[in-house]
Amino acid sequence: MKFVYFLVVLLALASSLAFAYDPSPLQDFCVAINDTRTGVFVNGKFCKDPKLARAEDFFYPGLGAGDTSNPLGSKVTPVAVNEILGLNTLGISLARIDFAPKGLNPPHTHPRGTEILVVLEGTLYVGFVASNQNDNRLFTKVLNKGDVFVFPIGLIHFQQNVGYGNAVAIAGLSSQNPGVITIANAVFGSKPPISDEVLAKAFQVDKNTIDYLQKQFWYNNS
């Protein structure tokens, strides 16, 4: 009998440990409200009755080439839960990234997803920067057709076409809504702008430099 009690206690502890955590958020923020009539669903989207699901709910037509005629020379075409509603709760998505010659997918992060990238065409110089705890080490690699590279969740990373022609890559992400924060856009193009005094001190440059950067048009390629 003592063994049975011990087993029950052990299972209870294991169960409490297994569920004693907060689920990862699937949006940037969720402000609590008391009136649920004006609220939204948390961590995903409302679900359709399974009996009403159709093949189209799990389908995206023609993942074609993106328009790279922009200042960055790249275009990210996401296929996430907003594009395929059937991805809801499945924890996965992808994106196609097209590059003109010398095109750049600029330094950015995915706050809710790890990225695994495979090169379909061309040659890419890719890399990510580790956190402060790992001395901001830079990990880089030149990828050719068929090569695969992983960018850990939340770390700043980039891809640049260093070949002579166009390049194409497919990125898989470990979230139905991984999010993206483009570093330059967030720091110098926030609305309203971050204080130039804050940025001047952070980057150790004068305010005129910050003012110049904040006046630029920061293109969003996704």
Protein backbone atom coordinates (compact mmCIF):
# COMPACT_ATOMS: atom_id res chain seq x y z
CA MET A 1 0.00 0.00 0.00
CA LYS A 2 2.87 2.38 0.79
CA PHE A 3 4.25 1.73 -2.65
CA VAL A 4 0.90 2.68 -4.21
CA TYR A 5 0.80 5.95 -2.22
CA PHE A 6 4.39 6.67 -3.28
CA LEU A 7 3.51 6.01 -6.92
CA VAL A 8 0.48 8.31 -6.75
CA VAL A 9 2.54 11.12 -5.18
CA LEU A 10 5.29 10.64 -7.78
CA LEU A 11 2.80 10.83 -10.65
CA ALA A 12 1.18 13.94 -9.16
CA LEU A 13 4.54 15.67 -8.88
CA ALA A 14 5.47 14.69 -12.40
CA SER A 15 2.15 15.99 -13.69
CA SER A 16 2.53 19.31 -11.87
CA LEU A 17 6.05 19.74 -13.22
CA ALA A 18 4.91 18.92 -16.74
CA PHE A 19 2.19 21.60 -16.76
CA ALA A 20 3.70 24.25 -14.46
CA TYR A 21 4.75 26.69 -17.16
CA ASP A 22 3.26 29.46 -19.26
CA PRO A 23 2.62 28.64 -22.93
CA SER A 24 4.72 30.55 -25.43
CA PRO A 25 2.85 33.62 -26.73
CA LEU A 26 1.75 33.72 -30.35
CA GLN A 27 1.39 37.49 -30.55
CA ASP A 28 3.50 40.48 -29.51
CA PHE A 29 1.42 41.26 -26.42
CA CYS A 30 -1.93 40.55 -24.80
CA VAL A 31 -3.37 43.29 -22.57
CA ALA A 32 -5.81 41.93 -19.97
CA ILE A 33 -9.40 43.26 -19.99
CA ASN A 34 -12.43 42.74 -17.80
CA ASP A 35 -15.09 43.05 -20.50
CA THR A 36 -14.76 39.90 -22.63
CA ARG A 37 -17.13 41.29 -25.27
CA THR A 38 -14.30 43.45 -26.61
CA GLY A 39 -11.61 40.79 -26.23
CA VAL A 40 -9.77 38.59 -28.69
CA PHE A 41 -8.71 34.97 -28.57
CA VAL A 42 -5.30 34.38 -26.97
CA ASN A 43 -2.49 32.31 -28.50
CA GLY A 44 -3.90 31.53 -31.87
CA LYS A 45 -7.18 31.95 -33.69
CA PHE A 46 -10.71 30.72 -33.06
CA CYS A 47 -11.18 27.21 -34.42
CA LYS A 48 -13.66 26.17 -37.08
CA ASP A 49 -15.90 23.22 -36.36
CA PRO A 50 -13.77 20.25 -37.61
CA LYS A 51 -16.80 18.97 -39.53
CA LEU A 52 -16.73 22.16 -41.62
CA ALA A 53 -13.00 22.00 -42.49
CA ARG A 54 -12.13 21.80 -46.20
CA ALA A 55 -8.98 20.98 -48.15
CA GLU A 56 -8.67 24.69 -48.97
CA ASP A 57 -8.07 25.41 -45.27
CA PHE A 58 -4.73 23.61 -45.59
CA PHE A 59 -3.70 24.95 -48.99
CA TYR A 60 -1.70 27.91 -50.35
CA PRO A 61 -1.76 28.45 -54.11
CA GLY A 62 1.42 29.05 -56.08
CA LEU A 63 4.31 30.16 -53.87
CA GLY A 64 5.90 32.16 -56.65
CA ALA A 65 8.82 34.55 -56.87
CA GLY A 66 8.63 37.78 -54.89
CA ASP A 67 9.32 41.25 -56.29
CA THR A 68 12.92 42.17 -55.43
CA SER A 69 12.86 45.59 -57.09
CA ASN A 70 13.18 47.48 -53.80
CA PRO A 71 16.02 49.14 -51.83
CA LEU A 72 17.02 45.85 -50.17
CA GLY A 73 16.87 43.71 -53.28
CA SER A 74 14.96 40.97 -51.47
CA LYS A 75 11.42 39.87 -50.81
CA VAL A 76 10.08 37.59 -48.08
CA THR A 77 6.80 35.81 -48.85
CA PRO A 78 5.43 34.28 -45.62
CA VAL A 79 3.16 31.25 -45.48
CA ALA A 80 1.99 31.33 -41.87
CA VAL A 81 -1.35 31.02 -40.11
CA ASN A 82 -2.73 34.16 -41.75
CA GLU A 83 -2.09 32.59 -45.16
CA ILE A 84 -3.06 28.98 -44.32
CA LEU A 85 -5.71 28.94 -41.60
CA GLY A 86 -5.20 25.22 -41.13
CA LEU A 87 -1.80 25.95 -39.56
CA ASN A 88 -3.56 27.16 -36.41
CA THR A 89 -2.19 25.25 -33.36
CA LEU A 90 0.28 23.25 -35.49
CA GLY A 91 3.38 25.24 -34.52
CA ILE A 92 4.98 25.51 -37.95
CA SER A 93 5.17 27.88 -40.94
CA LEU A 94 7.49 28.76 -43.78
CA ALA A 95 8.62 31.62 -45.99
CA ARG A 96 10.08 31.98 -49.45
CA ILE A 97 12.92 34.50 -49.72
CA ASP A 98 13.92 35.88 -53.13
CA PHE A 99 17.14 37.82 -53.68
CA ALA A 100 18.32 40.00 -56.54
CA PRO A 101 22.10 40.05 -57.06
CA LYS A 102 23.64 41.54 -53.88
CA GLY A 103 20.17 41.54 -52.30
CA LEU A 104 19.94 41.49 -48.51
CA ASN A 105 17.47 40.15 -45.99
CA PRO A 106 18.65 42.58 -43.29
CA PRO A 107 19.45 41.76 -39.65
CA HIS A 108 16.25 40.71 -37.90
CA THR A 109 14.87 38.34 -35.29
CA HIS A 110 11.93 35.99 -34.98
CA PRO A 111 10.78 36.35 -31.36
CA ARG A 112 8.65 33.20 -31.46
CA GLY A 113 10.42 30.77 -33.76
CA THR A 114 13.64 29.01 -34.73
CA GLU A 115 14.37 29.16 -38.47
CA ILE A 116 15.86 26.46 -40.68
CA LEU A 117 16.80 27.68 -44.16
CA VAL A 118 17.60 25.75 -47.35
CA VAL A 119 19.05 27.39 -50.46
CA LEU A 120 17.21 26.46 -53.66
CA GLU A 121 19.23 28.62 -56.04
CA GLY A 122 22.29 30.85 -55.80
CA THR A 123 24.85 31.57 -53.10
CA LEU A 124 24.05 33.22 -49.77
CA TYR A 125 26.24 34.62 -47.01
CA VAL A 126 24.28 34.03 -43.79
CA GLY A 127 24.88 34.44 -40.09
CA PHE A 128 23.51 35.02 -36.62
CA VAL A 129 24.77 36.77 -33.50
CA ALA A 130 24.71 35.03 -30.13
CA SER A 131 23.34 36.71 -26.99
CA ASN A 132 25.32 38.92 -24.60
CA GLN A 133 25.88 35.89 -22.36
CA ASN A 134 27.81 34.31 -25.25
CA ASP A 135 29.83 37.48 -25.96
CA ASN A 136 27.77 38.33 -29.06
CA ARG A 137 29.73 35.80 -31.13
CA LEU A 138 29.05 35.96 -34.86
CA PHE A 139 28.39 32.64 -36.64
CA THR A 140 28.56 32.86 -40.44
CA LYS A 141 28.59 30.54 -43.42
CA VAL A 142 28.48 30.78 -47.20
CA LEU A 143 25.67 28.56 -48.46
CA ASN A 144 25.29 27.10 -51.93
CA LYS A 145 22.39 25.32 -53.58
CA GLY A 146 21.12 22.54 -51.33
CA ASP A 147 22.88 23.78 -48.18
CA VAL A 148 20.94 24.15 -44.93
CA PHE A 149 21.51 26.50 -41.97
CA VAL A 150 19.71 27.02 -38.64
CA PHE A 151 19.02 30.34 -36.89
CA PRO A 152 18.12 29.81 -33.19
CA ILE A 153 14.95 31.40 -31.86
CA GLY A 154 15.17 35.10 -30.98
CA LEU A 155 18.74 35.68 -32.24
CA ILE A 156 19.62 38.41 -34.74
CA HIS A 157 20.38 36.94 -38.16
CA PHE A 158 20.66 37.89 -41.84
CA GLN A 159 21.10 36.55 -45.37
CA GLN A 160 22.82 38.22 -48.33
CA ASN A 161 23.10 37.12 -51.94
CA VAL A 162 26.83 37.03 -52.75
CA GLY A 163 26.44 35.28 -56.09
CA TYR A 164 26.23 36.79 -59.56
CA GLY A 165 22.62 35.86 -60.24
CA ASN A 166 19.35 35.69 -58.38
CA ALA A 167 19.00 33.51 -55.30
CA VAL A 168 16.06 31.71 -53.70
CA ALA A 169 15.69 30.13 -50.26
CA ILE A 170 12.92 28.48 -48.26
CA ALA A 171 12.80 29.00 -44.50
CA GLY A 172 10.88 26.74 -42.14
CA LEU A 173 9.90 28.26 -38.78
CA SER A 174 8.86 26.58 -35.53
CA SER A 175 5.75 28.69 -34.97
CA GLN A 176 2.49 29.32 -36.78
CA ASN A 177 3.22 33.03 -36.20
CA PRO A 178 6.97 33.49 -35.58
CA GLY A 179 6.90 37.28 -35.89
CA VAL A 180 9.73 39.38 -37.27
CA ILE A 181 11.61 42.40 -35.90
CA THR A 182 13.88 44.10 -38.43
CA ILE A 183 16.57 45.73 -36.32
CA ALA A 184 17.13 48.95 -38.31
CA ASN A 185 13.38 49.50 -38.76
CA ALA A 186 12.66 48.96 -35.07
CA VAL A 187 15.51 51.12 -33.76
CA PHE A 188 15.46 54.00 -36.26
CA GLY A 189 11.96 53.76 -37.69
CA SER A 190 9.80 53.25 -34.60
CA LYS A 191 6.58 55.26 -34.28
CA PRO A 192 6.90 57.52 -32.39
CA PRO A 193 10.71 57.69 -32.70
CA ILE A 194 13.01 56.66 -29.89
CA SER A 195 14.69 59.70 -28.28
CA ASP A 196 17.81 60.70 -30.24
CA GLU A 197 19.52 61.22 -26.89
CA VAL A 198 18.89 57.59 -25.97
CA LEU A 199 20.14 56.30 -29.33
CA ALA A 200 23.14 58.64 -29.48
CA LYS A 201 24.34 57.35 -26.12
CA ALA A 202 23.56 53.73 -26.96
CA PHE A 203 25.45 53.82 -30.26
CA GLN A 204 28.11 56.29 -29.05
CA VAL A 205 27.54 58.73 -31.93
CA ASP A 206 26.32 62.32 -32.08
CA LYS A 207 22.64 63.26 -32.30
CA ASN A 208 23.02 64.53 -35.87
CA THR A 209 23.89 61.02 -36.99
CA ILE A 210 20.83 59.63 -35.22
CA ASP A 211 18.60 62.35 -36.66
CA TYR A 212 19.88 61.49 -40.15
CA LEU A 213 19.16 57.78 -39.67
CA GLN A 214 15.68 58.43 -38.29
CA LYS A 215 14.80 60.48 -41.38
CA GLN A 216 15.56 57.60 -43.74
CA PHE A 217 12.88 55.39 -45.26
CA TRP A 218 13.26 51.96 -43.69
CA TYR A 219 11.84 49.49 -46.18
CA ASN A 220 9.96 46.43 -44.93
CA ASN A 221 10.67 43.48 -47.25
CA SER A 222 8.19 41.07 -45.67
